[in-house]
Structure formats: C-alpha cells, structure tokens
N, C-alpha and C. Protein backbone atom coordinates (compact mmCIF):
# COMPACT_ATOMS: atom_id res chain seq x y z
N UNK A 1 4.79 -0.26 -17.11
CA UNK A 1 3.42 -0.49 -17.55
C UNK A 1 2.46 0.15 -16.55
N UNK A 2 1.51 0.89 -17.05
CA UNK A 2 0.56 1.60 -16.21
C UNK A 2 -0.69 0.76 -15.96
N UNK A 3 -1.35 1.06 -14.87
CA UNK A 3 -2.61 0.39 -14.55
C UNK A 3 -3.66 0.75 -15.59
N UNK A 4 -4.54 -0.18 -15.91
CA UNK A 4 -5.62 0.16 -16.85
C UNK A 4 -6.56 1.19 -16.23
N UNK A 5 -7.08 2.07 -17.05
CA UNK A 5 -8.00 3.09 -16.55
C UNK A 5 -9.29 2.49 -16.02
N UNK A 6 -9.76 1.42 -16.64
CA UNK A 6 -10.97 0.77 -16.18
C UNK A 6 -10.73 -0.74 -16.11
N UNK A 7 -11.46 -1.39 -15.23
CA UNK A 7 -11.38 -2.84 -15.11
C UNK A 7 -12.37 -3.48 -16.08
N UNK A 8 -12.06 -4.67 -16.56
CA UNK A 8 -13.04 -5.38 -17.38
C UNK A 8 -14.30 -5.66 -16.55
N UNK A 9 -15.46 -5.69 -17.20
CA UNK A 9 -16.71 -5.94 -16.46
C UNK A 9 -16.66 -7.23 -15.63
N UNK A 10 -16.02 -8.27 -16.13
CA UNK A 10 -15.97 -9.52 -15.36
C UNK A 10 -15.23 -9.32 -14.04
N UNK A 11 -14.16 -8.54 -14.04
CA UNK A 11 -13.39 -8.27 -12.82
C UNK A 11 -14.18 -7.35 -11.89
N UNK A 12 -14.78 -6.33 -12.46
CA UNK A 12 -15.60 -5.42 -11.66
C UNK A 12 -16.72 -6.17 -10.96
N UNK A 13 -17.42 -7.02 -11.69
CA UNK A 13 -18.53 -7.77 -11.09
C UNK A 13 -18.04 -8.79 -10.07
N UNK A 14 -16.92 -9.42 -10.34
CA UNK A 14 -16.33 -10.36 -9.37
C UNK A 14 -16.02 -9.63 -8.07
N UNK A 15 -15.31 -8.51 -8.15
CA UNK A 15 -14.96 -7.76 -6.94
C UNK A 15 -16.21 -7.24 -6.23
N UNK A 16 -17.19 -6.82 -6.99
CA UNK A 16 -18.45 -6.35 -6.41
C UNK A 16 -19.10 -7.43 -5.57
N UNK A 17 -19.15 -8.64 -6.12
CA UNK A 17 -19.75 -9.76 -5.39
C UNK A 17 -18.92 -10.15 -4.17
N UNK A 18 -17.60 -10.18 -4.31
CA UNK A 18 -16.73 -10.63 -3.23
C UNK A 18 -16.80 -9.70 -2.02
N UNK A 19 -16.78 -8.40 -2.25
CA UNK A 19 -16.77 -7.46 -1.13
C UNK A 19 -18.12 -6.82 -0.87
N UNK A 20 -19.14 -7.27 -1.59
CA UNK A 20 -20.52 -6.84 -1.39
C UNK A 20 -20.67 -5.32 -1.49
N UNK A 21 -20.19 -4.78 -2.59
CA UNK A 21 -20.42 -3.37 -2.89
C UNK A 21 -20.88 -3.28 -4.34
N UNK A 22 -21.39 -2.15 -4.71
CA UNK A 22 -21.92 -2.00 -6.07
C UNK A 22 -20.77 -1.96 -7.08
N UNK A 23 -21.06 -2.36 -8.32
CA UNK A 23 -20.04 -2.23 -9.37
C UNK A 23 -19.56 -0.78 -9.54
N UNK A 24 -20.45 0.17 -9.32
CA UNK A 24 -20.06 1.58 -9.42
C UNK A 24 -19.04 1.94 -8.34
N UNK A 25 -19.21 1.36 -7.15
CA UNK A 25 -18.25 1.60 -6.07
C UNK A 25 -16.90 0.97 -6.40
N UNK A 26 -16.93 -0.22 -7.00
CA UNK A 26 -15.68 -0.86 -7.42
C UNK A 26 -14.96 0.05 -8.41
N UNK A 27 -15.70 0.57 -9.39
CA UNK A 27 -15.08 1.45 -10.38
C UNK A 27 -14.50 2.71 -9.74
N UNK A 28 -15.23 3.28 -8.78
CA UNK A 28 -14.74 4.49 -8.10
C UNK A 28 -13.49 4.18 -7.28
N UNK A 29 -13.50 3.05 -6.57
CA UNK A 29 -12.33 2.68 -5.78
C UNK A 29 -11.14 2.35 -6.66
N UNK A 30 -11.38 1.70 -7.80
CA UNK A 30 -10.29 1.42 -8.73
C UNK A 30 -9.67 2.71 -9.23
N UNK A 31 -10.51 3.70 -9.55
CA UNK A 31 -10.00 4.98 -10.03
C UNK A 31 -9.08 5.64 -9.00
N UNK A 32 -9.41 5.47 -7.72
CA UNK A 32 -8.61 6.08 -6.64
C UNK A 32 -7.35 5.29 -6.36
N UNK A 33 -7.43 3.95 -6.40
CA UNK A 33 -6.31 3.12 -5.92
C UNK A 33 -5.50 2.42 -7.01
N UNK A 34 -5.89 2.57 -8.27
CA UNK A 34 -5.26 1.77 -9.33
C UNK A 34 -3.75 1.94 -9.41
N UNK A 35 -3.26 3.15 -9.26
CA UNK A 35 -1.81 3.35 -9.38
C UNK A 35 -1.05 2.68 -8.24
N UNK A 36 -1.59 2.72 -7.05
CA UNK A 36 -0.96 2.05 -5.92
C UNK A 36 -1.07 0.53 -6.07
N UNK A 37 -2.27 0.06 -6.39
CA UNK A 37 -2.48 -1.39 -6.52
C UNK A 37 -1.58 -1.99 -7.59
N UNK A 38 -1.30 -1.24 -8.62
CA UNK A 38 -0.52 -1.75 -9.75
C UNK A 38 0.95 -1.93 -9.40
N UNK A 39 1.45 -1.24 -8.39
CA UNK A 39 2.87 -1.34 -8.05
C UNK A 39 3.13 -2.11 -6.76
N UNK A 40 2.07 -2.62 -6.13
CA UNK A 40 2.26 -3.41 -4.91
C UNK A 40 3.08 -4.66 -5.22
N UNK A 41 3.83 -5.15 -4.24
CA UNK A 41 4.61 -6.37 -4.48
C UNK A 41 3.70 -7.58 -4.68
N UNK A 42 4.24 -8.56 -5.38
CA UNK A 42 3.51 -9.81 -5.54
C UNK A 42 3.46 -10.53 -4.20
N UNK A 43 2.65 -11.57 -4.11
CA UNK A 43 2.57 -12.34 -2.87
C UNK A 43 3.94 -12.89 -2.51
N UNK A 44 4.67 -13.42 -3.48
CA UNK A 44 6.00 -13.98 -3.21
C UNK A 44 6.98 -12.90 -2.75
N UNK A 45 6.91 -11.72 -3.36
CA UNK A 45 7.79 -10.62 -2.94
C UNK A 45 7.46 -10.17 -1.52
N UNK A 46 6.18 -10.06 -1.20
CA UNK A 46 5.77 -9.64 0.14
C UNK A 46 6.19 -10.68 1.17
N UNK A 47 6.04 -11.96 0.83
CA UNK A 47 6.44 -13.03 1.75
C UNK A 47 7.95 -12.99 2.01
N UNK A 48 8.73 -12.76 0.97
CA UNK A 48 10.19 -12.68 1.12
C UNK A 48 10.56 -11.47 1.98
N UNK A 49 9.89 -10.34 1.78
CA UNK A 49 10.16 -9.15 2.59
C UNK A 49 9.83 -9.41 4.06
N UNK A 50 8.72 -10.11 4.30
CA UNK A 50 8.33 -10.43 5.67
C UNK A 50 9.35 -11.35 6.33
N UNK A 51 9.78 -12.37 5.61
CA UNK A 51 10.78 -13.29 6.16
C UNK A 51 12.08 -12.55 6.48
N UNK A 52 12.49 -11.66 5.62
CA UNK A 52 13.70 -10.87 5.86
C UNK A 52 13.54 -10.01 7.11
N UNK A 53 12.38 -9.38 7.26
CA UNK A 53 12.15 -8.54 8.43
C UNK A 53 12.22 -9.35 9.72
N UNK A 54 11.60 -10.53 9.73
CA UNK A 54 11.66 -11.37 10.92
C UNK A 54 13.09 -11.87 11.18
N UNK A 55 13.80 -12.22 10.12
CA UNK A 55 15.18 -12.69 10.29
C UNK A 55 16.06 -11.57 10.86
N UNK A 56 15.89 -10.36 10.35
CA UNK A 56 16.74 -9.25 10.79
C UNK A 56 16.35 -8.68 12.15
N UNK A 57 15.04 -8.63 12.43
CA UNK A 57 14.60 -7.90 13.63
C UNK A 57 13.78 -8.74 14.60
N UNK A 58 13.19 -9.82 14.15
CA UNK A 58 12.32 -10.59 15.01
C UNK A 58 13.03 -11.66 15.81
N UNK A 59 13.90 -12.39 15.15
CA UNK A 59 14.55 -13.53 15.82
C UNK A 59 15.31 -13.10 17.07
N UNK A 60 15.97 -11.96 17.02
CA UNK A 60 16.73 -11.48 18.18
C UNK A 60 15.80 -11.13 19.35
N UNK A 61 14.51 -10.96 19.05
CA UNK A 61 13.53 -10.67 20.09
C UNK A 61 12.70 -11.90 20.46
N UNK A 62 13.06 -13.02 19.86
CA UNK A 62 12.36 -14.26 20.18
C UNK A 62 11.04 -14.42 19.47
N UNK A 63 10.83 -13.69 18.37
CA UNK A 63 9.59 -13.86 17.62
C UNK A 63 9.91 -14.35 16.21
N UNK A 64 8.96 -15.05 15.65
CA UNK A 64 9.14 -15.64 14.34
C UNK A 64 7.86 -15.47 13.53
N UNK A 65 7.97 -15.62 12.24
CA UNK A 65 6.79 -15.50 11.38
C UNK A 65 5.98 -16.80 11.35
N UNK A 66 6.50 -17.86 11.95
CA UNK A 66 5.82 -19.15 11.96
C UNK A 66 5.39 -19.51 13.37
N UNK A 67 4.20 -20.11 13.49
CA UNK A 67 3.75 -20.59 14.77
C UNK A 67 4.48 -21.89 15.08
N UNK A 68 5.19 -21.89 16.21
CA UNK A 68 5.97 -23.07 16.56
C UNK A 68 5.16 -24.08 17.36
N UNK A 69 4.19 -23.62 18.10
CA UNK A 69 3.37 -24.50 18.91
C UNK A 69 1.91 -24.23 18.61
N UNK A 70 1.07 -25.23 18.59
CA UNK A 70 -0.36 -24.94 18.38
C UNK A 70 -0.91 -24.17 19.58
N UNK A 71 -1.85 -23.30 19.33
CA UNK A 71 -2.45 -22.57 20.45
C UNK A 71 -3.14 -23.53 21.42
N UNK A 72 -3.10 -23.20 22.68
CA UNK A 72 -3.76 -24.02 23.69
C UNK A 72 -4.76 -23.16 24.45
N UNK A 73 -5.73 -23.83 25.00
CA UNK A 73 -6.75 -23.10 25.79
C UNK A 73 -6.57 -23.40 27.25
C-alpha cells in the first residue's frame, strides 16, 4: 500500500498546529517524506528492535534501555 499523495485537511491542520508551521509547509514536507514515513516501523516494532539491540550489544557493556536508578543530584 502506497502513501496517500495528500493528507486530509484535518491531519494537515493538526500537524500545522502541533509543530507551528503553515499548512502549506506541512503539505510540502509530506510530499518530500511521505514514502519514508509510510514504511517506518510502528512504535511496537521500533521498541522491539531497540530491546533486541540492547540485549545483543548493550548488556555486555553494562548498559540497558531502562533506567535502573533514579537520577540524583
């Protein structure tokens, strides 16, 4: 499934308000990034990839994706 060529006005206006740019800028950015944005992993997929990376490469270095102790001053 391909990314839509244009975003619905409700989405364009929502993004415009959230990132404080014009609706025209949202449309221009969507035109540039839509194909990439459409194939990005879901939040759950990205989280699983991150956990795998820490398990494979982080733990042996003593780092983890979770904060074990609260920060102190």
